[in-house]
Amino acid sequence: MTEAFAAPSRAAAPPPGTFTPATRFAVPGRIAVSGEAASEWQTVTLTEIRRETPQTSTFRFRAPAWAGHLPGQHLMLRLTAEDGYTAQRHYSLASAPDDEGHIELTLDHVDGGEVSGWFHTTAAPGDEIEVRGPLSGFFAWPGDRPALLIGAGSGIVPLMSMVRHHRARGLDVPLRLVVSARGPEELIYARELGPETTRVFTRSAPRGLPVGRLRAEHLAPLLAEAPADGWEAYVCGSNGFAEHASRLLVAAGQPVDRIRIERFG
């Protein structure tokens, strides 16, 4: 797995809007952001590092010029060394849009990853980096439609932005999360996951829970309780997981045009 999100599988995505992040629509939870700022690099300051799992940490930044984002969007990050060498990566935003003046990224420590390696071994509060975004509207969840979220490993990151938005706004629109991890110790955001979450463990599990891949049996009760308009499904993870989860959804009757996929390369 690479340390950056590959470009998501996408149909024709609508062009970025021209609204401000404070714009509210008649539909509860609906937000829109400006696409104009996405082309401009801005400097943000690292303020906090939180350990999530042995290999994953959340990095919180003060970003006073951030124009806002939709849950599920990502940004471009740029590190510049003293000799002028630069490295750029795409990372999904973990924070909810309402986290005004701050953004959060949750990064795996990838073997040999020059950017993730720097974050996990060298970065400290007070460090400054450059970011550009938000980018891509294809995988974004505006907060106005029932959402079935399915992720594996760090694929939970953009989905957690959606969950946090749902909670921060107190939305009534149905939302369910299915998350797969190798074991409890590798479950990112474990302390935040609530009753909306179905946990799947593939190698080791707490006493009383089965071990194995995501199966149709995990999705069946969620699809059975789908609201009248059905689910908008968001799937994020490795190529293999994204294909597997998507096939399960289609086999269970989820319309193909209502499955959005973002996969790691």
C-alpha atoms as a PDB file:
ATOM      1  CA  MET A   1       0.000   0.000   0.000  1.00  0.00           C
ATOM      2  CA  THR A   2       1.374   3.406  -0.875  1.00  0.00           C
ATOM      3  CA  GLU A   3       1.327   6.288   1.543  1.00  0.00           C
ATOM      4  CA  ALA A   4      -0.908   8.453  -0.629  1.00  0.00           C
ATOM      5  CA  PHE A   5      -4.426   8.087  -1.927  1.00  0.00           C
ATOM      6  CA  ALA A   6      -4.493   7.235  -5.590  1.00  0.00           C
ATOM      7  CA  ALA A   7      -6.895   9.179  -7.748  1.00  0.00           C
ATOM      8  CA  PRO A   8     -10.348   7.837  -6.918  1.00  0.00           C
ATOM      9  CA  SER A   9     -12.398   5.877  -9.364  1.00  0.00           C
ATOM     10  CA  ARG A  10     -14.856   8.428 -10.593  1.00  0.00           C
ATOM     11  CA  ALA A  11     -17.603   9.243 -12.973  1.00  0.00           C
ATOM     12  CA  ALA A  12     -17.967  12.778 -14.245  1.00  0.00           C
ATOM     13  CA  ALA A  13     -17.597  14.828 -11.071  1.00  0.00           C
ATOM     14  CA  PRO A  14     -19.311  18.197 -10.849  1.00  0.00           C
ATOM     15  CA  PRO A  15     -17.024  21.217 -10.957  1.00  0.00           C
ATOM     16  CA  PRO A  16     -16.146  22.839  -7.631  1.00  0.00           C
ATOM     17  CA  GLY A  17     -18.734  25.238  -6.303  1.00  0.00           C
ATOM     18  CA  THR A  18     -18.249  28.931  -5.771  1.00  0.00           C
ATOM     19  CA  PHE A  19     -19.953  29.220  -2.403  1.00  0.00           C
ATOM     20  CA  THR A  20     -18.300  30.075   0.876  1.00  0.00           C
ATOM     21  CA  PRO A  21     -17.917  27.356   3.541  1.00  0.00           C
ATOM     22  CA  ALA A  22     -20.500  29.105   5.675  1.00  0.00           C
ATOM     23  CA  THR A  23     -23.219  28.655   3.070  1.00  0.00           C
ATOM     24  CA  ARG A  24     -26.170  26.657   4.448  1.00  0.00           C
ATOM     25  CA  PHE A  25     -28.836  25.011   2.333  1.00  0.00           C
ATOM     26  CA  ALA A  26     -32.425  24.170   3.199  1.00  0.00           C
ATOM     27  CA  VAL A  27     -31.427  20.518   3.556  1.00  0.00           C
ATOM     28  CA  PRO A  28     -29.963  19.960   7.053  1.00  0.00           C
ATOM     29  CA  GLY A  29     -26.256  19.242   6.959  1.00  0.00           C
ATOM     30  CA  ARG A  30     -25.722  20.349   3.379  1.00  0.00           C
ATOM     31  CA  ILE A  31     -22.593  22.475   2.967  1.00  0.00           C
ATOM     32  CA  ALA A  32     -20.621  23.833   0.042  1.00  0.00           C
ATOM     33  CA  VAL A  33     -17.138  25.224  -0.249  1.00  0.00           C
ATOM     34  CA  SER A  34     -15.211  27.456  -2.582  1.00  0.00           C
ATOM     35  CA  GLY A  35     -13.167  25.811  -5.296  1.00  0.00           C
ATOM     36  CA  GLU A  36     -11.068  28.914  -5.831  1.00  0.00           C
ATOM     37  CA  ALA A  37      -8.683  28.298  -2.930  1.00  0.00           C
ATOM     38  CA  ALA A  38      -7.785  24.783  -4.083  1.00  0.00           C
ATOM     39  CA  SER A  39      -5.107  26.084  -6.456  1.00  0.00           C
ATOM     40  CA  GLU A  40      -3.268  28.122  -3.820  1.00  0.00           C
ATOM     41  CA  TRP A  41      -0.604  26.756  -1.484  1.00  0.00           C
ATOM     42  CA  GLN A  42      -0.900  27.865   2.127  1.00  0.00           C
ATOM     43  CA  THR A  43       1.255  27.334   5.177  1.00  0.00           C
ATOM     44  CA  VAL A  44      -0.201  25.456   8.152  1.00  0.00           C
ATOM     45  CA  THR A  45       1.338  24.806  11.560  1.00  0.00           C
ATOM     46  CA  LEU A  46       1.440  21.455  13.335  1.00  0.00           C
ATOM     47  CA  THR A  47      -0.106  21.830  16.801  1.00  0.00           C
ATOM     48  CA  GLU A  48      -0.753  18.288  18.054  1.00  0.00           C
ATOM     49  CA  ILE A  49       0.154  14.652  17.385  1.00  0.00           C
ATOM     50  CA  ARG A  50      -2.167  11.877  18.614  1.00  0.00           C
ATOM     51  CA  ARG A  51      -1.267   8.195  18.435  1.00  0.00           C
ATOM     52  CA  GLU A  52      -4.128   6.128  16.990  1.00  0.00           C
ATOM     53  CA  THR A  53      -2.469   2.707  16.545  1.00  0.00           C
ATOM     54  CA  PRO A  54       1.143   1.472  16.713  1.00  0.00           C
ATOM     55  CA  GLN A  55       1.611   2.497  13.060  1.00  0.00           C
ATOM     56  CA  THR A  56      -0.843   5.374  12.705  1.00  0.00           C
ATOM     57  CA  SER A  57      -1.048   8.892  14.138  1.00  0.00           C
ATOM     58  CA  THR A  58      -3.268  11.925  13.695  1.00  0.00           C
ATOM     59  CA  PHE A  59      -1.601  15.259  12.981  1.00  0.00           C
ATOM     60  CA  ARG A  60      -3.562  18.409  13.805  1.00  0.00           C
ATOM     61  CA  PHE A  61      -2.716  21.695  12.102  1.00  0.00           C
ATOM     62  CA  ARG A  62      -3.643  25.307  12.659  1.00  0.00           C
ATOM     63  CA  ALA A  63      -4.901  26.495   9.274  1.00  0.00           C
ATOM     64  CA  PRO A  64      -6.391  29.993   9.594  1.00  0.00           C
ATOM     65  CA  ALA A  65      -6.705  30.457   5.812  1.00  0.00           C
ATOM     66  CA  TRP A  66      -8.378  27.092   5.134  1.00  0.00           C
ATOM     67  CA  ALA A  67     -11.463  27.666   2.969  1.00  0.00           C
ATOM     68  CA  GLY A  68     -13.385  24.671   4.302  1.00  0.00           C
ATOM     69  CA  HIS A  69     -14.073  21.258   2.798  1.00  0.00           C
ATOM     70  CA  LEU A  70     -16.664  18.569   2.309  1.00  0.00           C
ATOM     71  CA  PRO A  71     -16.333  15.317   4.273  1.00  0.00           C
ATOM     72  CA  GLY A  72     -14.474  12.874   2.037  1.00  0.00           C
ATOM     73  CA  GLN A  73     -12.316  15.413   0.217  1.00  0.00           C
ATOM     74  CA  HIS A  74      -8.518  15.365   0.305  1.00  0.00           C
ATOM     75  CA  LEU A  75      -5.636  17.808   0.006  1.00  0.00           C
ATOM     76  CA  MET A  76      -2.169  18.000  -1.502  1.00  0.00           C
ATOM     77  CA  LEU A  77       0.665  18.263   1.022  1.00  0.00           C
ATOM     78  CA  ARG A  78       4.160  19.577   0.240  1.00  0.00           C
ATOM     79  CA  LEU A  79       7.346  19.224   2.259  1.00  0.00           C
ATOM     80  CA  THR A  80      10.424  21.231   1.309  1.00  0.00           C
ATOM     81  CA  ALA A  81      13.909  20.283   2.530  1.00  0.00           C
ATOM     82  CA  GLU A  82      16.653  22.781   3.311  1.00  0.00           C
ATOM     83  CA  ASP A  83      18.328  22.016  -0.015  1.00  0.00           C
ATOM     84  CA  GLY A  84      15.109  22.840  -1.893  1.00  0.00           C
ATOM     85  CA  TYR A  85      14.016  19.260  -2.590  1.00  0.00           C
ATOM     86  CA  THR A  86      10.246  18.902  -2.388  1.00  0.00           C
ATOM     87  CA  ALA A  87       7.936  15.934  -1.890  1.00  0.00           C
ATOM     88  CA  GLN A  88       4.188  16.044  -2.469  1.00  0.00           C
ATOM     89  CA  ARG A  89       1.456  13.616  -1.446  1.00  0.00           C
ATOM     90  CA  HIS A  90      -2.339  13.430  -1.483  1.00  0.00           C
ATOM     91  CA  TYR A  91      -3.962  12.767   1.905  1.00  0.00           C
ATOM     92  CA  SER A  92      -7.609  12.557   2.905  1.00  0.00           C
ATOM     93  CA  LEU A  93      -8.904  15.008   5.476  1.00  0.00           C
ATOM     94  CA  ALA A  94      -9.915  13.388   8.739  1.00  0.00           C
ATOM     95  CA  SER A  95     -11.451  16.438  10.388  1.00  0.00           C
ATOM     96  CA  ALA A  96     -15.047  17.583  10.131  1.00  0.00           C
ATOM     97  CA  PRO A  97     -15.697  20.756   8.118  1.00  0.00           C
ATOM     98  CA  ASP A  98     -16.829  22.592  11.234  1.00  0.00           C
ATOM     99  CA  ASP A  99     -13.403  22.304  12.898  1.00  0.00           C
ATOM    100  CA  GLU A 100     -12.870  25.976  12.155  1.00  0.00           C
ATOM    101  CA  GLY A 101      -9.298  27.102  11.745  1.00  0.00           C
ATOM    102  CA  HIS A 102      -7.875  23.584  12.019  1.00  0.00           C
ATOM    103  CA  ILE A 103      -7.498  20.518   9.842  1.00  0.00           C
ATOM    104  CA  GLU A 104      -6.418  16.974  10.719  1.00  0.00           C
ATOM    105  CA  LEU A 105      -4.639  14.231   8.760  1.00  0.00           C
ATOM    106  CA  THR A 106      -4.252  10.635   9.916  1.00  0.00           C
ATOM    107  CA  LEU A 107      -1.196   8.961   8.416  1.00  0.00           C
ATOM    108  CA  ASP A 108       0.156   5.426   8.393  1.00  0.00           C
ATOM    109  CA  HIS A 109       3.896   5.004   8.902  1.00  0.00           C
ATOM    110  CA  VAL A 110       4.740   3.410   5.558  1.00  0.00           C
ATOM    111  CA  ASP A 111       8.006   1.470   5.256  1.00  0.00           C
ATOM    112  CA  GLY A 112      10.354   3.577   3.145  1.00  0.00           C
ATOM    113  CA  GLY A 113       7.855   6.436   2.871  1.00  0.00           C
ATOM    114  CA  GLU A 114       9.782   9.697   2.839  1.00  0.00           C
ATOM    115  CA  VAL A 115       6.764  11.842   3.764  1.00  0.00           C
ATOM    116  CA  SER A 116       5.084   9.522   6.266  1.00  0.00           C
ATOM    117  CA  GLY A 117       8.515   8.702   7.677  1.00  0.00           C
ATOM    118  CA  TRP A 118       9.208  12.373   8.335  1.00  0.00           C
ATOM    119  CA  PHE A 119       5.868  12.827  10.054  1.00  0.00           C
ATOM    120  CA  HIS A 120       6.305   9.792  12.282  1.00  0.00           C
ATOM    121  CA  THR A 121       9.970  10.257  13.210  1.00  0.00           C
ATOM    122  CA  THR A 122      10.786  13.957  12.944  1.00  0.00           C
ATOM    123  CA  ALA A 123       7.715  16.195  12.938  1.00  0.00           C
ATOM    124  CA  ALA A 124       6.950  18.147  16.117  1.00  0.00           C
ATOM    125  CA  PRO A 125       4.429  20.813  17.144  1.00  0.00           C
ATOM    126  CA  GLY A 126       5.461  24.128  15.672  1.00  0.00           C
ATOM    127  CA  ASP A 127       6.629  22.678  12.356  1.00  0.00           C
ATOM    128  CA  GLU A 128       5.184  24.295   9.251  1.00  0.00           C
ATOM    129  CA  ILE A 129       4.201  22.580   6.005  1.00  0.00           C
ATOM    130  CA  GLU A 130       2.325  23.622   2.876  1.00  0.00           C
ATOM    131  CA  VAL A 131      -1.060  22.340   1.783  1.00  0.00           C
ATOM    132  CA  ARG A 132      -3.380  22.935  -1.138  1.00  0.00           C
ATOM    133  CA  GLY A 133      -7.048  22.062  -1.297  1.00  0.00           C
ATOM    134  CA  PRO A 134      -9.666  20.836  -0.813  1.00  0.00           C
ATOM    135  CA  LEU A 135      -9.514  18.591  -3.868  1.00  0.00           C
ATOM    136  CA  SER A 136     -12.027  16.312  -5.626  1.00  0.00           C
ATOM    137  CA  GLY A 137     -15.753  16.300  -5.080  1.00  0.00           C
ATOM    138  CA  PHE A 138     -16.423  12.765  -6.291  1.00  0.00           C
ATOM    139  CA  PHE A 139     -16.005  11.028  -2.917  1.00  0.00           C
ATOM    140  CA  ALA A 140     -17.461  13.895  -0.873  1.00  0.00           C
ATOM    141  CA  TRP A 141     -20.560  13.415   1.266  1.00  0.00           C
ATOM    142  CA  PRO A 142     -22.523  16.680   1.550  1.00  0.00           C
ATOM    143  CA  GLY A 143     -24.491  15.434   4.563  1.00  0.00           C
ATOM    144  CA  ASP A 144     -27.891  15.386   2.877  1.00  0.00           C
ATOM    145  CA  ARG A 145     -28.323  11.728   1.836  1.00  0.00           C
ATOM    146  CA  PRO A 146     -28.315   8.392   3.709  1.00  0.00           C
ATOM    147  CA  ALA A 147     -24.736   7.105   3.763  1.00  0.00           C
ATOM    148  CA  LEU A 148     -23.383   3.578   4.099  1.00  0.00           C
ATOM    149  CA  LEU A 149     -19.642   3.873   4.731  1.00  0.00           C
ATOM    150  CA  ILE A 150     -17.320   0.884   4.265  1.00  0.00           C
ATOM    151  CA  GLY A 151     -13.579   1.101   4.901  1.00  0.00           C
ATOM    152  CA  ALA A 152     -10.550  -0.986   5.724  1.00  0.00           C
ATOM    153  CA  GLY A 153      -7.383   0.065   7.530  1.00  0.00           C
ATOM    154  CA  SER A 154      -6.599   3.717   6.896  1.00  0.00           C
ATOM    155  CA  GLY A 155      -9.484   3.751   4.419  1.00  0.00           C
ATOM    156  CA  ILE A 156     -11.533   4.820   7.418  1.00  0.00           C
ATOM    157  CA  VAL A 157      -9.925   8.289   7.359  1.00  0.00           C
ATOM    158  CA  PRO A 158     -12.227  10.109   4.884  1.00  0.00           C
ATOM    159  CA  LEU A 159     -15.188   8.152   6.261  1.00  0.00           C
ATOM    160  CA  MET A 160     -14.430   9.429   9.763  1.00  0.00           C
ATOM    161  CA  SER A 161     -14.678  12.975   8.471  1.00  0.00           C
ATOM    162  CA  MET A 162     -18.215  12.079   7.405  1.00  0.00           C
ATOM    163  CA  VAL A 163     -19.054  10.520  10.786  1.00  0.00           C
ATOM    164  CA  ARG A 164     -17.683  13.560  12.626  1.00  0.00           C
ATOM    165  CA  HIS A 165     -19.697  15.901  10.403  1.00  0.00           C
ATOM    166  CA  HIS A 166     -22.832  13.851  11.064  1.00  0.00           C
ATOM    167  CA  ARG A 167     -22.273  14.112  14.818  1.00  0.00           C
ATOM    168  CA  ALA A 168     -21.197  17.764  14.868  1.00  0.00           C
ATOM    169  CA  ARG A 169     -24.345  18.845  13.026  1.00  0.00           C
ATOM    170  CA  GLY A 170     -26.637  16.427  14.887  1.00  0.00           C
ATOM    171  CA  LEU A 171     -27.983  15.187  11.561  1.00  0.00           C
ATOM    172  CA  ASP A 172     -31.018  12.918  11.374  1.00  0.00           C
ATOM    173  CA  VAL A 173     -30.098  11.481   7.978  1.00  0.00           C
ATOM    174  CA  PRO A 174     -29.194   7.771   8.439  1.00  0.00           C
ATOM    175  CA  LEU A 175     -25.495   6.905   8.493  1.00  0.00           C
ATOM    176  CA  ARG A 176     -23.817   3.535   9.081  1.00  0.00           C
ATOM    177  CA  LEU A 177     -20.124   2.640   9.153  1.00  0.00           C
ATOM    178  CA  VAL A 178     -18.524  -0.749   8.482  1.00  0.00           C
ATOM    179  CA  VAL A 179     -14.803  -0.857   9.245  1.00  0.00           C
ATOM    180  CA  SER A 180     -12.354  -3.705   8.742  1.00  0.00           C
ATOM    181  CA  ALA A 181      -9.031  -4.043  10.579  1.00  0.00           C
ATOM    182  CA  ARG A 182      -6.598  -6.874  11.141  1.00  0.00           C
ATOM    183  CA  GLY A 183      -7.125  -6.686  14.900  1.00  0.00           C
ATOM    184  CA  PRO A 184      -8.404  -4.387  17.660  1.00  0.00           C
ATOM    185  CA  GLU A 185      -4.962  -2.845  18.119  1.00  0.00           C
ATOM    186  CA  GLU A 186      -4.992  -1.706  14.466  1.00  0.00           C
ATOM    187  CA  LEU A 187      -8.489  -0.215  14.518  1.00  0.00           C
ATOM    188  CA  ILE A 188      -8.034   3.500  13.871  1.00  0.00           C
ATOM    189  CA  TYR A 189     -10.266   5.857  15.896  1.00  0.00           C
ATOM    190  CA  ALA A 190     -11.359   2.947  18.091  1.00  0.00           C
ATOM    191  CA  ARG A 191     -12.271   5.293  20.954  1.00  0.00           C
ATOM    192  CA  GLU A 192     -14.585   7.340  18.727  1.00  0.00           C
ATOM    193  CA  LEU A 193     -16.541   4.550  17.070  1.00  0.00           C
ATOM    194  CA  GLY A 194     -20.122   4.343  18.265  1.00  0.00           C
ATOM    195  CA  PRO A 195     -23.314   2.346  17.751  1.00  0.00           C
ATOM    196  CA  GLU A 196     -23.402   3.259  14.063  1.00  0.00           C
ATOM    197  CA  THR A 197     -20.328   1.059  13.531  1.00  0.00           C
ATOM    198  CA  THR A 198     -19.980  -2.593  12.510  1.00  0.00           C
ATOM    199  CA  ARG A 199     -16.457  -3.876  13.257  1.00  0.00           C
ATOM    200  CA  VAL A 200     -14.829  -6.617  11.171  1.00  0.00           C
ATOM    201  CA  PHE A 201     -11.535  -8.199  12.294  1.00  0.00           C
ATOM    202  CA  THR A 202      -9.585 -10.297   9.813  1.00  0.00           C
ATOM    203  CA  ARG A 203      -6.785 -11.812  11.959  1.00  0.00           C
ATOM    204  CA  SER A 204      -7.619 -11.448  15.645  1.00  0.00           C
ATOM    205  CA  ALA A 205     -10.744 -10.290  17.449  1.00  0.00           C
ATOM    206  CA  PRO A 206     -12.017  -9.666  20.976  1.00  0.00           C
ATOM    207  CA  ARG A 207     -13.499 -12.691  22.698  1.00  0.00           C
ATOM    208  CA  GLY A 208     -16.838 -13.659  21.216  1.00  0.00           C
ATOM    209  CA  LEU A 209     -16.369 -11.972  17.849  1.00  0.00           C
ATOM    210  CA  PRO A 210     -15.635 -13.918  14.650  1.00  0.00           C
ATOM    211  CA  VAL A 211     -12.443 -13.528  12.642  1.00  0.00           C
ATOM    212  CA  GLY A 212     -12.505 -13.233   8.849  1.00  0.00           C
ATOM    213  CA  ARG A 213     -12.991 -11.015   5.823  1.00  0.00           C
ATOM    214  CA  LEU A 214     -15.913  -8.728   5.216  1.00  0.00           C
ATOM    215  CA  ARG A 215     -18.837 -10.947   4.199  1.00  0.00           C
ATOM    216  CA  ALA A 216     -22.340 -10.535   2.854  1.00  0.00           C
ATOM    217  CA  GLU A 217     -23.606 -11.328   6.363  1.00  0.00           C
ATOM    218  CA  HIS A 218     -22.034  -8.115   7.665  1.00  0.00           C
ATOM    219  CA  LEU A 219     -23.832  -5.983   5.094  1.00  0.00           C
ATOM    220  CA  ALA A 220     -27.198  -7.754   4.946  1.00  0.00           C
ATOM    221  CA  PRO A 221     -28.756  -6.205   8.075  1.00  0.00           C
ATOM    222  CA  LEU A 222     -27.612  -2.726   7.029  1.00  0.00           C
ATOM    223  CA  LEU A 223     -29.001  -3.077   3.529  1.00  0.00           C
ATOM    224  CA  ALA A 224     -32.213  -4.464   4.969  1.00  0.00           C
ATOM    225  CA  GLU A 225     -32.702  -1.309   7.040  1.00  0.00           C
ATOM    226  CA  ALA A 226     -31.993   1.021   4.124  1.00  0.00           C
ATOM    227  CA  PRO A 227     -34.237   4.107   4.099  1.00  0.00           C
ATOM    228  CA  ALA A 228     -36.869   4.514   1.410  1.00  0.00           C
ATOM    229  CA  ASP A 229     -34.469   6.317  -0.919  1.00  0.00           C
ATOM    230  CA  GLY A 230     -31.734   3.719  -0.382  1.00  0.00           C
ATOM    231  CA  TRP A 231     -28.096   4.197   0.589  1.00  0.00           C
ATOM    232  CA  GLU A 232     -25.329   6.157  -1.055  1.00  0.00           C
ATOM    233  CA  ALA A 233     -22.393   3.787  -0.482  1.00  0.00           C
ATOM    234  CA  TYR A 234     -18.826   5.035   0.063  1.00  0.00           C
ATOM    235  CA  VAL A 235     -16.054   2.425  -0.080  1.00  0.00           C
ATOM    236  CA  CYS A 236     -12.430   3.216   0.767  1.00  0.00           C
ATOM    237  CA  GLY A 237      -9.422   0.938   1.136  1.00  0.00           C
ATOM    238  CA  SER A 238      -6.860  -1.034  -0.818  1.00  0.00           C
ATOM    239  CA  ASN A 239      -7.563  -2.095  -4.392  1.00  0.00           C
ATOM    240  CA  GLY A 240      -8.380  -5.611  -3.245  1.00  0.00           C
ATOM    241  CA  PHE A 241     -10.703  -4.503  -0.464  1.00  0.00           C
ATOM    242  CA  ALA A 242     -12.493  -1.954  -2.651  1.00  0.00           C
ATOM    243  CA  GLU A 243     -13.184  -4.583  -5.310  1.00  0.00           C
ATOM    244  CA  HIS A 244     -14.329  -7.137  -2.738  1.00  0.00           C
ATOM    245  CA  ALA A 245     -16.649  -4.746  -0.894  1.00  0.00           C
ATOM    246  CA  SER A 246     -18.101  -3.405  -4.130  1.00  0.00           C
ATOM    247  CA  ARG A 247     -18.884  -6.903  -5.401  1.00  0.00           C
ATOM    248  CA  LEU A 248     -20.673  -7.700  -2.136  1.00  0.00           C
ATOM    249  CA  LEU A 249     -22.755  -4.544  -2.435  1.00  0.00           C
ATOM    250  CA  VAL A 250     -23.728  -5.187  -6.049  1.00  0.00           C
ATOM    251  CA  ALA A 251     -24.597  -8.814  -5.293  1.00  0.00           C
ATOM    252  CA  ALA A 252     -26.855  -7.601  -2.490  1.00  0.00           C
ATOM    253  CA  GLY A 253     -28.713  -5.252  -4.824  1.00  0.00           C
ATOM    254  CA  GLN A 254     -26.977  -1.905  -4.243  1.00  0.00           C
ATOM    255  CA  PRO A 255     -27.196   0.108  -7.494  1.00  0.00           C
ATOM    256  CA  VAL A 256     -23.805   0.448  -9.149  1.00  0.00           C
ATOM    257  CA  ASP A 257     -24.308   4.164  -9.758  1.00  0.00           C
ATOM    258  CA  ARG A 258     -24.738   4.662  -6.006  1.00  0.00           C
ATOM    259  CA  ILE A 259     -21.386   3.193  -5.037  1.00  0.00           C
ATOM    260  CA  ARG A 260     -18.492   5.649  -4.744  1.00  0.00           C
ATOM    261  CA  ILE A 261     -15.009   4.177  -4.448  1.00  0.00           C
ATOM    262  CA  GLU A 262     -11.698   5.639  -3.350  1.00  0.00           C
ATOM    263  CA  ARG A 263      -8.839   3.169  -3.388  1.00  0.00           C
ATOM    264  CA  PHE A 264      -5.191   3.096  -2.384  1.00  0.00           C
ATOM    265  CA  GLY A 265      -2.688   2.328  -5.091  1.00  0.00           C
END
